Amino acid sequence: MDHKIVHIEISAKDRKALSKFYTDVFGWQVEHIEEMGYTTFKAGEGVGGGFNPVTAENPVGTVTVYIETDNVTTSLKDVEKAGGTIISPEMDIPNTGKFGLFRDPQDNLIGLFMPYPMP
C-alpha cells in the first residue's frame, strides 16, 4: 500500500456557510449529511473531504489529512511505537470504512482511513 492522502477535513463553525464559500469560490460539489451533522466536498480531480464541526478536540483552524491504510489498528500501533499518540482508536463509518486519529510527535492531528471494498 502506498499510504496516499485520501481525505481532508476542514473545521467549520457553520458547515453550510463554509461549504457555500468553497462552492462559490472554487466550484466544489458538496453534500450535506444531516444525520451525521457533516458535509462532504468533491474538489474536482483532487482529494475530497468534509467540513467537520468545531469541538474542543477540533478547534477553529484545524485541517486534518487522512492517510489510507489497509489496517487502522495496526497502523495506530506503529504510530505509537514511533512516538505518536493515539487520539481515537479504530471506529466504523457505516457503509464507508474505518478510521482512527493520532497526533504525530510534533502534535499534528492526522487521520487514518481504511475504505470498505466497493461492491
PDB file of N, CA and C in Angstrom:
ATOM      1  N   MET A   1       0.843  -1.186   0.000  1.00  0.00           N
ATOM      2  CA  MET A   1       0.000   0.000   0.000  1.00  0.00           C
ATOM      3  C   MET A   1       0.882   1.241   0.000  1.00  0.00           C
ATOM      4  N   ASP A   2       0.483   2.248  -0.776  1.00  0.00           N
ATOM      5  CA  ASP A   2       1.312   3.457  -0.886  1.00  0.00           C
ATOM      6  C   ASP A   2       0.964   4.537   0.136  1.00  0.00           C
ATOM      7  N   HIS A   3      -0.039   4.318   0.970  1.00  0.00           N
ATOM      8  CA  HIS A   3      -0.416   5.242   2.048  1.00  0.00           C
ATOM      9  C   HIS A   3      -0.612   6.679   1.557  1.00  0.00           C
ATOM     10  N   LYS A   4      -1.403   6.820   0.508  1.00  0.00           N
ATOM     11  CA  LYS A   4      -1.668   8.149  -0.051  1.00  0.00           C
ATOM     12  C   LYS A   4      -2.677   8.917   0.805  1.00  0.00           C
ATOM     13  N   ILE A   5      -2.672  10.224   0.643  1.00  0.00           N
ATOM     14  CA  ILE A   5      -3.665  11.076   1.301  1.00  0.00           C
ATOM     15  C   ILE A   5      -4.969  10.917   0.529  1.00  0.00           C
ATOM     16  N   VAL A   6      -6.045  10.567   1.252  1.00  0.00           N
ATOM     17  CA  VAL A   6      -7.307  10.255   0.594  1.00  0.00           C
ATOM     18  C   VAL A   6      -8.476  11.132   1.038  1.00  0.00           C
ATOM     19  N   HIS A   7      -8.290  11.956   2.064  1.00  0.00           N
ATOM     20  CA  HIS A   7      -9.415  12.735   2.587  1.00  0.00           C
ATOM     21  C   HIS A   7      -8.852  13.897   3.399  1.00  0.00           C
ATOM     22  N   ILE A   8      -9.545  15.024   3.360  1.00  0.00           N
ATOM     23  CA  ILE A   8      -9.144  16.203   4.130  1.00  0.00           C
ATOM     24  C   ILE A   8     -10.379  16.727   4.855  1.00  0.00           C
ATOM     25  N   GLU A   9     -10.230  17.096   6.128  1.00  0.00           N
ATOM     26  CA  GLU A   9     -11.329  17.708   6.868  1.00  0.00           C
ATOM     27  C   GLU A   9     -10.940  19.111   7.303  1.00  0.00           C
ATOM     28  N   ILE A  10     -11.864  20.040   7.082  1.00  0.00           N
ATOM     29  CA  ILE A  10     -11.678  21.440   7.446  1.00  0.00           C
ATOM     30  C   ILE A  10     -12.671  21.759   8.562  1.00  0.00           C
ATOM     31  N   SER A  11     -12.189  22.344   9.659  1.00  0.00           N
ATOM     32  CA  SER A  11     -13.068  22.720  10.774  1.00  0.00           C
ATOM     33  C   SER A  11     -14.061  23.785  10.328  1.00  0.00           C
ATOM     34  N   ALA A  12     -15.295  23.647  10.798  1.00  0.00           N
ATOM     35  CA  ALA A  12     -16.329  24.602  10.410  1.00  0.00           C
ATOM     36  C   ALA A  12     -17.233  24.933  11.592  1.00  0.00           C
ATOM     37  N   LYS A  13     -17.326  26.229  11.921  1.00  0.00           N
ATOM     38  CA  LYS A  13     -18.297  26.664  12.931  1.00  0.00           C
ATOM     39  C   LYS A  13     -19.704  26.528  12.360  1.00  0.00           C
ATOM     40  N   ASP A  14     -19.848  26.797  11.058  1.00  0.00           N
ATOM     41  CA  ASP A  14     -21.122  26.682  10.347  1.00  0.00           C
ATOM     42  C   ASP A  14     -20.815  25.984   9.026  1.00  0.00           C
ATOM     43  N   ARG A  15     -21.019  24.678   8.984  1.00  0.00           N
ATOM     44  CA  ARG A  15     -20.598  23.895   7.818  1.00  0.00           C
ATOM     45  C   ARG A  15     -21.336  24.291   6.542  1.00  0.00           C
ATOM     46  N   LYS A  16     -22.598  24.687   6.647  1.00  0.00           N
ATOM     47  CA  LYS A  16     -23.335  25.072   5.438  1.00  0.00           C
ATOM     48  C   LYS A  16     -22.807  26.387   4.876  1.00  0.00           C
ATOM     49  N   ALA A  17     -22.524  27.347   5.736  1.00  0.00           N
ATOM     50  CA  ALA A  17     -21.965  28.625   5.273  1.00  0.00           C
ATOM     51  C   ALA A  17     -20.571  28.419   4.689  1.00  0.00           C
ATOM     52  N   LEU A  18     -19.747  27.606   5.356  1.00  0.00           N
ATOM     53  CA  LEU A  18     -18.389  27.387   4.860  1.00  0.00           C
ATOM     54  C   LEU A  18     -18.399  26.613   3.545  1.00  0.00           C
ATOM     55  N   SER A  19     -19.294  25.637   3.425  1.00  0.00           N
ATOM     56  CA  SER A  19     -19.363  24.892   2.167  1.00  0.00           C
ATOM     57  C   SER A  19     -19.839  25.794   1.028  1.00  0.00           C
ATOM     58  N   LYS A  20     -20.728  26.746   1.314  1.00  0.00           N
ATOM     59  CA  LYS A  20     -21.156  27.701   0.288  1.00  0.00           C
ATOM     60  C   LYS A  20     -19.975  28.552  -0.165  1.00  0.00           C
ATOM     61  N   PHE A  21     -19.133  28.984   0.776  1.00  0.00           N
ATOM     62  CA  PHE A  21     -17.940  29.757   0.434  1.00  0.00           C
ATOM     63  C   PHE A  21     -17.071  28.988  -0.567  1.00  0.00           C
ATOM     64  N   TYR A  22     -16.749  27.725  -0.260  1.00  0.00           N
ATOM     65  CA  TYR A  22     -15.872  26.950  -1.139  1.00  0.00           C
ATOM     66  C   TYR A  22     -16.547  26.612  -2.470  1.00  0.00           C
ATOM     67  N   THR A  23     -17.862  26.443  -2.453  1.00  0.00           N
ATOM     68  CA  THR A  23     -18.592  26.221  -3.703  1.00  0.00           C
ATOM     69  C   THR A  23     -18.549  27.478  -4.566  1.00  0.00           C
ATOM     70  N   ASP A  24     -18.802  28.632  -3.957  1.00  0.00           N
ATOM     71  CA  ASP A  24     -18.790  29.897  -4.702  1.00  0.00           C
ATOM     72  C   ASP A  24     -17.408  30.226  -5.253  1.00  0.00           C
ATOM     73  N   VAL A  25     -16.369  30.005  -4.461  1.00  0.00           N
ATOM     74  CA  VAL A  25     -15.014  30.393  -4.864  1.00  0.00           C
ATOM     75  C   VAL A  25     -14.379  29.374  -5.802  1.00  0.00           C
ATOM     76  N   PHE A  26     -14.517  28.068  -5.487  1.00  0.00           N
ATOM     77  CA  PHE A  26     -13.784  27.039  -6.225  1.00  0.00           C
ATOM     78  C   PHE A  26     -14.661  26.069  -7.005  1.00  0.00           C
ATOM     79  N   GLY A  27     -15.981  26.194  -6.880  1.00  0.00           N
ATOM     80  CA  GLY A  27     -16.875  25.314  -7.617  1.00  0.00           C
ATOM     81  C   GLY A  27     -16.960  23.895  -7.075  1.00  0.00           C
ATOM     82  N   TRP A  28     -16.575  23.703  -5.805  1.00  0.00           N
ATOM     83  CA  TRP A  28     -16.635  22.365  -5.220  1.00  0.00           C
ATOM     84  C   TRP A  28     -18.080  21.892  -5.141  1.00  0.00           C
ATOM     85  N   GLN A  29     -18.278  20.592  -5.322  1.00  0.00           N
ATOM     86  CA  GLN A  29     -19.588  19.977  -5.135  1.00  0.00           C
ATOM     87  C   GLN A  29     -19.685  19.538  -3.679  1.00  0.00           C
ATOM     88  N   VAL A  30     -20.814  19.828  -3.035  1.00  0.00           N
ATOM     89  CA  VAL A  30     -20.973  19.465  -1.627  1.00  0.00           C
ATOM     90  C   VAL A  30     -22.227  18.630  -1.428  1.00  0.00           C
ATOM     91  N   GLU A  31     -22.212  17.842  -0.372  1.00  0.00           N
ATOM     92  CA  GLU A  31     -23.383  17.061   0.023  1.00  0.00           C
ATOM     93  C   GLU A  31     -23.519  17.166   1.535  1.00  0.00           C
ATOM     94  N   HIS A  32     -24.682  17.612   1.989  1.00  0.00           N
ATOM     95  CA  HIS A  32     -24.956  17.728   3.419  1.00  0.00           C
ATOM     96  C   HIS A  32     -25.542  16.408   3.914  1.00  0.00           C
ATOM     97  N   ILE A  33     -24.926  15.816   4.923  1.00  0.00           N
ATOM     98  CA  ILE A  33     -25.395  14.561   5.510  1.00  0.00           C
ATOM     99  C   ILE A  33     -25.933  14.914   6.894  1.00  0.00           C
ATOM    100  N   GLU A  34     -27.208  15.253   6.927  1.00  0.00           N
ATOM    101  CA  GLU A  34     -27.816  15.807   8.142  1.00  0.00           C
ATOM    102  C   GLU A  34     -27.746  14.855   9.324  1.00  0.00           C
ATOM    103  N   GLU A  35     -27.971  13.555   9.087  1.00  0.00           N
ATOM    104  CA  GLU A  35     -27.977  12.609  10.210  1.00  0.00           C
ATOM    105  C   GLU A  35     -26.609  12.481  10.882  1.00  0.00           C
ATOM    106  N   MET A  36     -25.549  12.885  10.187  1.00  0.00           N
ATOM    107  CA  MET A  36     -24.200  12.849  10.758  1.00  0.00           C
ATOM    108  C   MET A  36     -23.709  14.242  11.156  1.00  0.00           C
ATOM    109  N   GLY A  37     -24.484  15.295  10.809  1.00  0.00           N
ATOM    110  CA  GLY A  37     -24.027  16.658  11.083  1.00  0.00           C
ATOM    111  C   GLY A  37     -22.737  16.968  10.342  1.00  0.00           C
ATOM    112  N   TYR A  38     -22.646  16.518   9.089  1.00  0.00           N
ATOM    113  CA  TYR A  38     -21.390  16.565   8.333  1.00  0.00           C
ATOM    114  C   TYR A  38     -21.695  16.960   6.897  1.00  0.00           C
ATOM    115  N   THR A  39     -20.751  17.629   6.264  1.00  0.00           N
ATOM    116  CA  THR A  39     -20.871  17.990   4.857  1.00  0.00           C
ATOM    117  C   THR A  39     -19.618  17.527   4.139  1.00  0.00           C
ATOM    118  N   THR A  40     -19.808  16.793   3.042  1.00  0.00           N
ATOM    119  CA  THR A  40     -18.666  16.341   2.246  1.00  0.00           C
ATOM    120  C   THR A  40     -18.454  17.282   1.073  1.00  0.00           C
ATOM    121  N   PHE A  41     -17.224  17.278   0.541  1.00  0.00           N
ATOM    122  CA  PHE A  41     -16.949  18.046  -0.672  1.00  0.00           C
ATOM    123  C   PHE A  41     -16.124  17.221  -1.643  1.00  0.00           C
ATOM    124  N   LYS A  42     -16.326  17.521  -2.933  1.00  0.00           N
ATOM    125  CA  LYS A  42     -15.504  16.959  -4.001  1.00  0.00           C
ATOM    126  C   LYS A  42     -14.824  18.134  -4.671  1.00  0.00           C
ATOM    127  N   ALA A  43     -13.504  18.049  -4.758  1.00  0.00           N
ATOM    128  CA  ALA A  43     -12.706  19.153  -5.297  1.00  0.00           C
ATOM    129  C   ALA A  43     -12.157  18.762  -6.666  1.00  0.00           C
ATOM    130  N   GLY A  44     -13.035  18.648  -7.649  1.00  0.00           N
ATOM    131  CA  GLY A  44     -12.596  18.290  -8.993  1.00  0.00           C
ATOM    132  C   GLY A  44     -11.868  16.961  -9.002  1.00  0.00           C
ATOM    133  N   GLU A  45     -10.694  16.934  -9.629  1.00  0.00           N
ATOM    134  CA  GLU A  45      -9.888  15.716  -9.719  1.00  0.00           C
ATOM    135  C   GLU A  45      -9.063  15.478  -8.458  1.00  0.00           C
ATOM    136  N   GLY A  46      -9.048  16.442  -7.558  1.00  0.00           N
ATOM    137  CA  GLY A  46      -8.223  16.335  -6.356  1.00  0.00           C
ATOM    138  C   GLY A  46      -8.867  15.507  -5.263  1.00  0.00           C
ATOM    139  N   VAL A  47      -8.207  15.475  -4.138  1.00  0.00           N
ATOM    140  CA  VAL A  47      -8.693  14.759  -2.963  1.00  0.00           C
ATOM    141  C   VAL A  47      -9.923  15.473  -2.420  1.00  0.00           C
ATOM    142  N   GLY A  48     -10.954  14.723  -2.087  1.00  0.00           N
ATOM    143  CA  GLY A  48     -12.151  15.287  -1.485  1.00  0.00           C
ATOM    144  C   GLY A  48     -12.042  15.290   0.027  1.00  0.00           C
ATOM    145  N   GLY A  49     -13.121  15.711   0.667  1.00  0.00           N
ATOM    146  CA  GLY A  49     -13.079  15.755   2.119  1.00  0.00           C
ATOM    147  C   GLY A  49     -14.405  16.160   2.705  1.00  0.00           C
ATOM    148  N   GLY A  50     -14.326  16.817   3.859  1.00  0.00           N
ATOM    149  CA  GLY A  50     -15.533  17.224   4.540  1.00  0.00           C
ATOM    150  C   GLY A  50     -15.301  18.395   5.470  1.00  0.00           C
ATOM    151  N   PHE A  51     -16.409  18.977   5.900  1.00  0.00           N
ATOM    152  CA  PHE A  51     -16.386  20.068   6.862  1.00  0.00           C
ATOM    153  C   PHE A  51     -16.811  19.483   8.201  1.00  0.00           C
ATOM    154  N   ASN A  52     -15.881  19.489   9.141  1.00  0.00           N
ATOM    155  CA  ASN A  52     -16.048  18.859  10.440  1.00  0.00           C
ATOM    156  C   ASN A  52     -16.463  19.907  11.468  1.00  0.00           C
ATOM    157  N   PRO A  53     -17.455  19.612  12.321  1.00  0.00           N
ATOM    158  CA  PRO A  53     -17.853  20.593  13.332  1.00  0.00           C
ATOM    159  C   PRO A  53     -16.704  20.954  14.275  1.00  0.00           C
ATOM    160  N   VAL A  54     -16.667  22.197  14.684  1.00  0.00           N
ATOM    161  CA  VAL A  54     -15.672  22.664  15.649  1.00  0.00           C
ATOM    162  C   VAL A  54     -16.009  22.070  17.016  1.00  0.00           C
ATOM    163  N   THR A  55     -14.994  21.494  17.666  1.00  0.00           N
ATOM    164  CA  THR A  55     -15.117  20.946  19.020  1.00  0.00           C
ATOM    165  C   THR A  55     -13.840  21.293  19.777  1.00  0.00           C
ATOM    166  N   ALA A  56     -13.779  20.913  21.039  1.00  0.00           N
ATOM    167  CA  ALA A  56     -12.551  21.140  21.817  1.00  0.00           C
ATOM    168  C   ALA A  56     -11.373  20.398  21.192  1.00  0.00           C
ATOM    169  N   GLU A  57     -11.628  19.195  20.668  1.00  0.00           N
ATOM    170  CA  GLU A  57     -10.570  18.405  20.038  1.00  0.00           C
ATOM    171  C   GLU A  57     -10.302  18.839  18.604  1.00  0.00           C
ATOM    172  N   ASN A  58     -11.225  19.580  18.017  1.00  0.00           N
ATOM    173  CA  ASN A  58     -11.145  20.002  16.624  1.00  0.00           C
ATOM    174  C   ASN A  58     -11.424  21.509  16.552  1.00  0.00           C
ATOM    175  N   PRO A  59     -10.497  22.339  17.070  1.00  0.00           N
ATOM    176  CA  PRO A  59     -10.755  23.781  17.148  1.00  0.00           C
ATOM    177  C   PRO A  59     -10.746  24.463  15.779  1.00  0.00           C
ATOM    178  N   VAL A  60     -11.231  25.690  15.769  1.00  0.00           N
ATOM    179  CA  VAL A  60     -11.188  26.515  14.559  1.00  0.00           C
ATOM    180  C   VAL A  60      -9.755  26.537  14.038  1.00  0.00           C
ATOM    181  N   GLY A  61      -9.614  26.418  12.730  1.00  0.00           N
ATOM    182  CA  GLY A  61      -8.288  26.464  12.115  1.00  0.00           C
ATOM    183  C   GLY A  61      -7.653  25.104  11.915  1.00  0.00           C
ATOM    184  N   THR A  62      -8.326  24.046  12.364  1.00  0.00           N
ATOM    185  CA  THR A  62      -7.774  22.702  12.209  1.00  0.00           C
ATOM    186  C   THR A  62      -8.100  22.151  10.826  1.00  0.00           C
ATOM    187  N   VAL A  63      -7.084  21.664  10.142  1.00  0.00           N
ATOM    188  CA  VAL A  63      -7.252  20.934   8.889  1.00  0.00           C
ATOM    189  C   VAL A  63      -6.591  19.579   9.107  1.00  0.00           C
ATOM    190  N   THR A  64      -7.353  18.512   8.922  1.00  0.00           N
ATOM    191  CA  THR A  64      -6.851  17.162   9.172  1.00  0.00           C
ATOM    192  C   THR A  64      -6.770  16.393   7.866  1.00  0.00           C
ATOM    193  N   VAL A  65      -5.609  15.810   7.588  1.00  0.00           N
ATOM    194  CA  VAL A  65      -5.469  14.944   6.416  1.00  0.00           C
ATOM    195  C   VAL A  65      -5.622  13.498   6.867  1.00  0.00           C
ATOM    196  N   TYR A  66      -6.172  12.676   5.988  1.00  0.00           N
ATOM    197  CA  TYR A  66      -6.355  11.253   6.256  1.00  0.00           C
ATOM    198  C   TYR A  66      -5.509  10.454   5.281  1.00  0.00           C
ATOM    199  N   ILE A  67      -4.761   9.509   5.834  1.00  0.00           N
ATOM    200  CA  ILE A  67      -3.872   8.653   5.065  1.00  0.00           C
ATOM    201  C   ILE A  67      -4.515   7.274   4.958  1.00  0.00           C
ATOM    202  N   GLU A  68      -4.538   6.734   3.751  1.00  0.00           N
ATOM    203  CA  GLU A  68      -5.122   5.408   3.546  1.00  0.00           C
ATOM    204  C   GLU A  68      -4.209   4.323   4.118  1.00  0.00           C
ATOM    205  N   THR A  69      -4.834   3.328   4.711  1.00  0.00           N
ATOM    206  CA  THR A  69      -4.106   2.185   5.262  1.00  0.00           C
ATOM    207  C   THR A  69      -4.935   0.932   5.036  1.00  0.00           C
ATOM    208  N   ASP A  70      -4.299  -0.220   5.114  1.00  0.00           N
ATOM    209  CA  ASP A  70      -5.056  -1.464   4.977  1.00  0.00           C
ATOM    210  C   ASP A  70      -5.444  -2.047   6.333  1.00  0.00           C
ATOM    211  N   ASN A  71      -4.997  -1.411   7.439  1.00  0.00           N
ATOM    212  CA  ASN A  71      -5.367  -1.861   8.775  1.00  0.00           C
ATOM    213  C   ASN A  71      -5.164  -0.701   9.755  1.00  0.00           C
ATOM    214  N   VAL A  72      -6.257  -0.085  10.155  1.00  0.00           N
ATOM    215  CA  VAL A  72      -6.185   1.089  11.028  1.00  0.00           C
ATOM    216  C   VAL A  72      -5.540   0.752  12.370  1.00  0.00           C
ATOM    217  N   THR A  73      -5.963  -0.338  12.987  1.00  0.00           N
ATOM    218  CA  THR A  73      -5.437  -0.694  14.310  1.00  0.00           C
ATOM    219  C   THR A  73      -3.935  -0.950  14.267  1.00  0.00           C
ATOM    220  N   THR A  74      -3.468  -1.685  13.268  1.00  0.00           N
ATOM    221  CA  THR A  74      -2.035  -1.957  13.137  1.00  0.00           C
ATOM    222  C   THR A  74      -1.261  -0.667  12.904  1.00  0.00           C
ATOM    223  N   SER A  75      -1.784   0.203  12.051  1.00  0.00           N
ATOM    224  CA  SER A  75      -1.100   1.475  11.785  1.00  0.00           C
ATOM    225  C   SER A  75      -1.039   2.343  13.034  1.00  0.00           C
ATOM    226  N   LEU A  76      -2.109   2.348  13.838  1.00  0.00           N
ATOM    227  CA  LEU A  76      -2.093   3.120  15.084  1.00  0.00           C
ATOM    228  C   LEU A  76      -1.046   2.580  16.055  1.00  0.00           C
ATOM    229  N   LYS A  77      -0.884   1.270  16.095  1.00  0.00           N
ATOM    230  CA  LYS A  77       0.165   0.681  16.944  1.00  0.00           C
ATOM    231  C   LYS A  77       1.544   1.116  16.459  1.00  0.00           C
ATOM    232  N   ASP A  78       1.731   1.146  15.129  1.00  0.00           N
ATOM    233  CA  ASP A  78       3.005   1.598  14.559  1.00  0.00           C
ATOM    234  C   ASP A  78       3.273   3.059  14.908  1.00  0.00           C
ATOM    235  N   VAL A  79       2.217   3.878  14.853  1.00  0.00           N
ATOM    236  CA  VAL A  79       2.328   5.295  15.214  1.00  0.00           C
ATOM    237  C   VAL A  79       2.801   5.429  16.655  1.00  0.00           C
ATOM    238  N   GLU A  80       2.176   4.678  17.544  1.00  0.00           N
ATOM    239  CA  GLU A  80       2.527   4.752  18.964  1.00  0.00           C
ATOM    240  C   GLU A  80       3.974   4.310  19.203  1.00  0.00           C
ATOM    241  N   LYS A  81       4.396   3.232  18.542  1.00  0.00           N
ATOM    242  CA  LYS A  81       5.779   2.750  18.674  1.00  0.00           C
ATOM    243  C   LYS A  81       6.783   3.795  18.210  1.00  0.00           C
ATOM    244  N   ALA A  82       6.394   4.596  17.215  1.00  0.00           N
ATOM    245  CA  ALA A  82       7.298   5.600  16.644  1.00  0.00           C
ATOM    246  C   ALA A  82       7.245   6.935  17.379  1.00  0.00           C
ATOM    247  N   GLY A  83       6.436   7.027  18.446  1.00  0.00           N
ATOM    248  CA  GLY A  83       6.413   8.255  19.234  1.00  0.00           C
ATOM    249  C   GLY A  83       5.174   9.103  19.077  1.00  0.00           C
ATOM    250  N   GLY A  84       4.188   8.641  18.299  1.00  0.00           N
ATOM    251  CA  GLY A  84       2.933   9.364  18.162  1.00  0.00           C
ATOM    252  C   GLY A  84       1.976   9.001  19.289  1.00  0.00           C
ATOM    253  N   THR A  85       0.848   9.705  19.350  1.00  0.00           N
ATOM    254  CA  THR A  85      -0.161   9.491  20.382  1.00  0.00           C
ATOM    255  C   THR A  85      -1.494   9.173  19.727  1.00  0.00           C
ATOM    256  N   ILE A  86      -2.120   8.088  20.134  1.00  0.00           N
ATOM    257  CA  ILE A  86      -3.430   7.729  19.599  1.00  0.00           C
ATOM    258  C   ILE A  86      -4.482   8.638  20.224  1.00  0.00           C
ATOM    259  N   ILE A  87      -5.270   9.273  19.382  1.00  0.00           N
ATOM    260  CA  ILE A  87      -6.349  10.161  19.828  1.00  0.00           C
ATOM    261  C   ILE A  87      -7.682   9.434  19.782  1.00  0.00           C
ATOM    262  N   SER A  88      -7.896   8.654  18.731  1.00  0.00           N
ATOM    263  CA  SER A  88      -9.134   7.905  18.567  1.00  0.00           C
ATOM    264  C   SER A  88      -8.794   6.530  18.022  1.00  0.00           C
ATOM    265  N   PRO A  89      -9.220   5.456  18.698  1.00  0.00           N
ATOM    266  CA  PRO A  89      -8.966   4.127  18.166  1.00  0.00           C
ATOM    267  C   PRO A  89      -9.811   3.890  16.915  1.00  0.00           C
ATOM    268  N   GLU A  90      -9.610   2.755  16.298  1.00  0.00           N
ATOM    269  CA  GLU A  90     -10.370   2.414  15.094  1.00  0.00           C
ATOM    270  C   GLU A  90     -11.866   2.503  15.360  1.00  0.00           C
ATOM    271  N   MET A  91     -12.576   3.222  14.473  1.00  0.00           N
ATOM    272  CA  MET A  91     -14.026   3.339  14.558  1.00  0.00           C
ATOM    273  C   MET A  91     -14.611   3.128  13.174  1.00  0.00           C
ATOM    274  N   ASP A  92     -15.870   2.720  13.150  1.00  0.00           N
ATOM    275  CA  ASP A  92     -16.561   2.403  11.907  1.00  0.00           C
ATOM    276  C   ASP A  92     -17.329   3.605  11.372  1.00  0.00           C
ATOM    277  N   ILE A  93     -17.277   3.781  10.056  1.00  0.00           N
ATOM    278  CA  ILE A  93     -18.152   4.720   9.354  1.00  0.00           C
ATOM    279  C   ILE A  93     -19.063   3.833   8.515  1.00  0.00           C
ATOM    280  N   PRO A  94     -20.347   3.705   8.865  1.00  0.00           N
ATOM    281  CA  PRO A  94     -21.222   2.761   8.177  1.00  0.00           C
ATOM    282  C   PRO A  94     -21.175   2.896   6.653  1.00  0.00           C
ATOM    283  N   ASN A  95     -21.057   1.760   5.996  1.00  0.00           N
ATOM    284  CA  ASN A  95     -21.046   1.654   4.530  1.00  0.00           C
ATOM    285  C   ASN A  95     -19.891   2.389   3.867  1.00  0.00           C
ATOM    286  N   THR A  96     -18.886   2.791   4.623  1.00  0.00           N
ATOM    287  CA  THR A  96     -17.784   3.577   4.062  1.00  0.00           C
ATOM    288  C   THR A  96     -16.429   2.959   4.373  1.00  0.00           C
ATOM    289  N   GLY A  97     -16.123   2.773   5.657  1.00  0.00           N
ATOM    290  CA  GLY A  97     -14.822   2.235   6.036  1.00  0.00           C
ATOM    291  C   GLY A  97     -14.569   2.422   7.517  1.00  0.00           C
ATOM    292  N   LYS A  98     -13.311   2.377   7.888  1.00  0.00           N
ATOM    293  CA  LYS A  98     -12.903   2.555   9.283  1.00  0.00           C
ATOM    294  C   LYS A  98     -11.867   3.665   9.353  1.00  0.00           C
ATOM    295  N   PHE A  99     -11.831   4.348  10.507  1.00  0.00           N
ATOM    296  CA  PHE A  99     -10.850   5.417  10.666  1.00  0.00           C
ATOM    297  C   PHE A  99     -10.337   5.459  12.092  1.00  0.00           C
ATOM    298  N   GLY A 100      -9.230   6.142  12.279  1.00  0.00           N
ATOM    299  CA  GLY A 100      -8.652   6.414  13.584  1.00  0.00           C
ATOM    300  C   GLY A 100      -7.877   7.714  13.494  1.00  0.00           C
ATOM    301  N   LEU A 101      -7.590   8.321  14.637  1.00  0.00           N
ATOM    302  CA  LEU A 101      -6.867   9.593  14.667  1.00  0.00           C
ATOM    303  C   LEU A 101      -5.662   9.495  15.591  1.00  0.00           C
ATOM    304  N   PHE A 102      -4.602  10.215  15.222  1.00  0.00           N
ATOM    305  CA  PHE A 102      -3.419  10.275  16.075  1.00  0.00           C
ATOM    306  C   PHE A 102      -2.784  11.650  15.974  1.00  0.00           C
ATOM    307  N   ARG A 103      -1.905  11.936  16.924  1.00  0.00           N
ATOM    308  CA  ARG A 103      -1.059  13.129  16.851  1.00  0.00           C
ATOM    309  C   ARG A 103       0.362  12.653  16.639  1.00  0.00           C
ATOM    310  N   ASP A 104       1.035  13.269  15.678  1.00  0.00           N
ATOM    311  CA  ASP A 104       2.428  12.908  15.427  1.00  0.00           C
ATOM    312  C   ASP A 104       3.308  13.519  16.521  1.00  0.00           C
ATOM    313  N   PRO A 105       4.612  13.229  16.530  1.00  0.00           N
ATOM    314  CA  PRO A 105       5.479  13.741  17.601  1.00  0.00           C
ATOM    315  C   PRO A 105       5.546  15.268  17.697  1.00  0.00           C
ATOM    316  N   GLN A 106       5.092  15.987  16.645  1.00  0.00           N
ATOM    317  CA  GLN A 106       5.083  17.449  16.711  1.00  0.00           C
ATOM    318  C   GLN A 106       3.662  17.996  16.861  1.00  0.00           C
ATOM    319  N   ASP A 107       2.735  17.142  17.315  1.00  0.00           N
ATOM    320  CA  ASP A 107       1.373  17.495  17.715  1.00  0.00           C
ATOM    321  C   ASP A 107       0.417  17.790  16.559  1.00  0.00           C
ATOM    322  N   ASN A 108       0.731  17.348  15.342  1.00  0.00           N
ATOM    323  CA  ASN A 108      -0.203  17.485  14.224  1.00  0.00           C
ATOM    324  C   ASN A 108      -1.245  16.382  14.309  1.00  0.00           C
ATOM    325  N   LEU A 109      -2.521  16.748  14.135  1.00  0.00           N
ATOM    326  CA  LEU A 109      -3.601  15.769  14.129  1.00  0.00           C
ATOM    327  C   LEU A 109      -3.696  15.157  12.737  1.00  0.00           C
ATOM    328  N   ILE A 110      -3.593  13.828  12.664  1.00  0.00           N
ATOM    329  CA  ILE A 110      -3.617  13.108  11.393  1.00  0.00           C
ATOM    330  C   ILE A 110      -4.616  11.964  11.515  1.00  0.00           C
ATOM    331  N   GLY A 111      -5.325  11.677  10.425  1.00  0.00           N
ATOM    332  CA  GLY A 111      -6.266  10.568  10.411  1.00  0.00           C
ATOM    333  C   GLY A 111      -5.765   9.416   9.570  1.00  0.00           C
ATOM    334  N   LEU A 112      -6.258   8.238   9.890  1.00  0.00           N
ATOM    335  CA  LEU A 112      -6.031   7.041   9.090  1.00  0.00           C
ATOM    336  C   LEU A 112      -7.382   6.576   8.583  1.00  0.00           C
ATOM    337  N   PHE A 113      -7.422   6.047   7.361  1.00  0.00           N
ATOM    338  CA  PHE A 113      -8.688   5.603   6.779  1.00  0.00           C
ATOM    339  C   PHE A 113      -8.480   4.313   6.009  1.00  0.00           C
ATOM    340  N   MET A 114      -9.357   3.345   6.250  1.00  0.00           N
ATOM    341  CA  MET A 114      -9.369   2.098   5.508  1.00  0.00           C
ATOM    342  C   MET A 114     -10.748   1.960   4.868  1.00  0.00           C
ATOM    343  N   PRO A 115     -10.839   2.118   3.544  1.00  0.00           N
ATOM    344  CA  PRO A 115     -12.148   2.016   2.900  1.00  0.00           C
ATOM    345  C   PRO A 115     -12.630   0.573   2.832  1.00  0.00           C
ATOM    346  N   TYR A 116     -13.940   0.402   2.897  1.00  0.00           N
ATOM    347  CA  TYR A 116     -14.510  -0.918   2.649  1.00  0.00           C
ATOM    348  C   TYR A 116     -14.435  -1.187   1.151  1.00  0.00           C
ATOM    349  N   PRO A 117     -14.291  -2.453   0.757  1.00  0.00           N
ATOM    350  CA  PRO A 117     -14.273  -2.768  -0.680  1.00  0.00           C
ATOM    351  C   PRO A 117     -15.580  -2.334  -1.332  1.00  0.00           C
ATOM    352  N   MET A 118     -15.471  -1.838  -2.536  1.00  0.00           N
ATOM    353  CA  MET A 118     -16.664  -1.418  -3.284  1.00  0.00           C
ATOM    354  C   MET A 118     -17.379  -2.659  -3.812  1.00  0.00           C
ATOM    355  N   PRO A 119     -18.725  -2.680  -3.725  1.00  0.00           N
ATOM    356  CA  PRO A 119     -19.480  -3.860  -4.215  1.00  0.00           C
ATOM    357  C   PRO A 119     -19.413  -3.987  -5.721  1.00  0.00           C
TER     358      PRO A 119
END
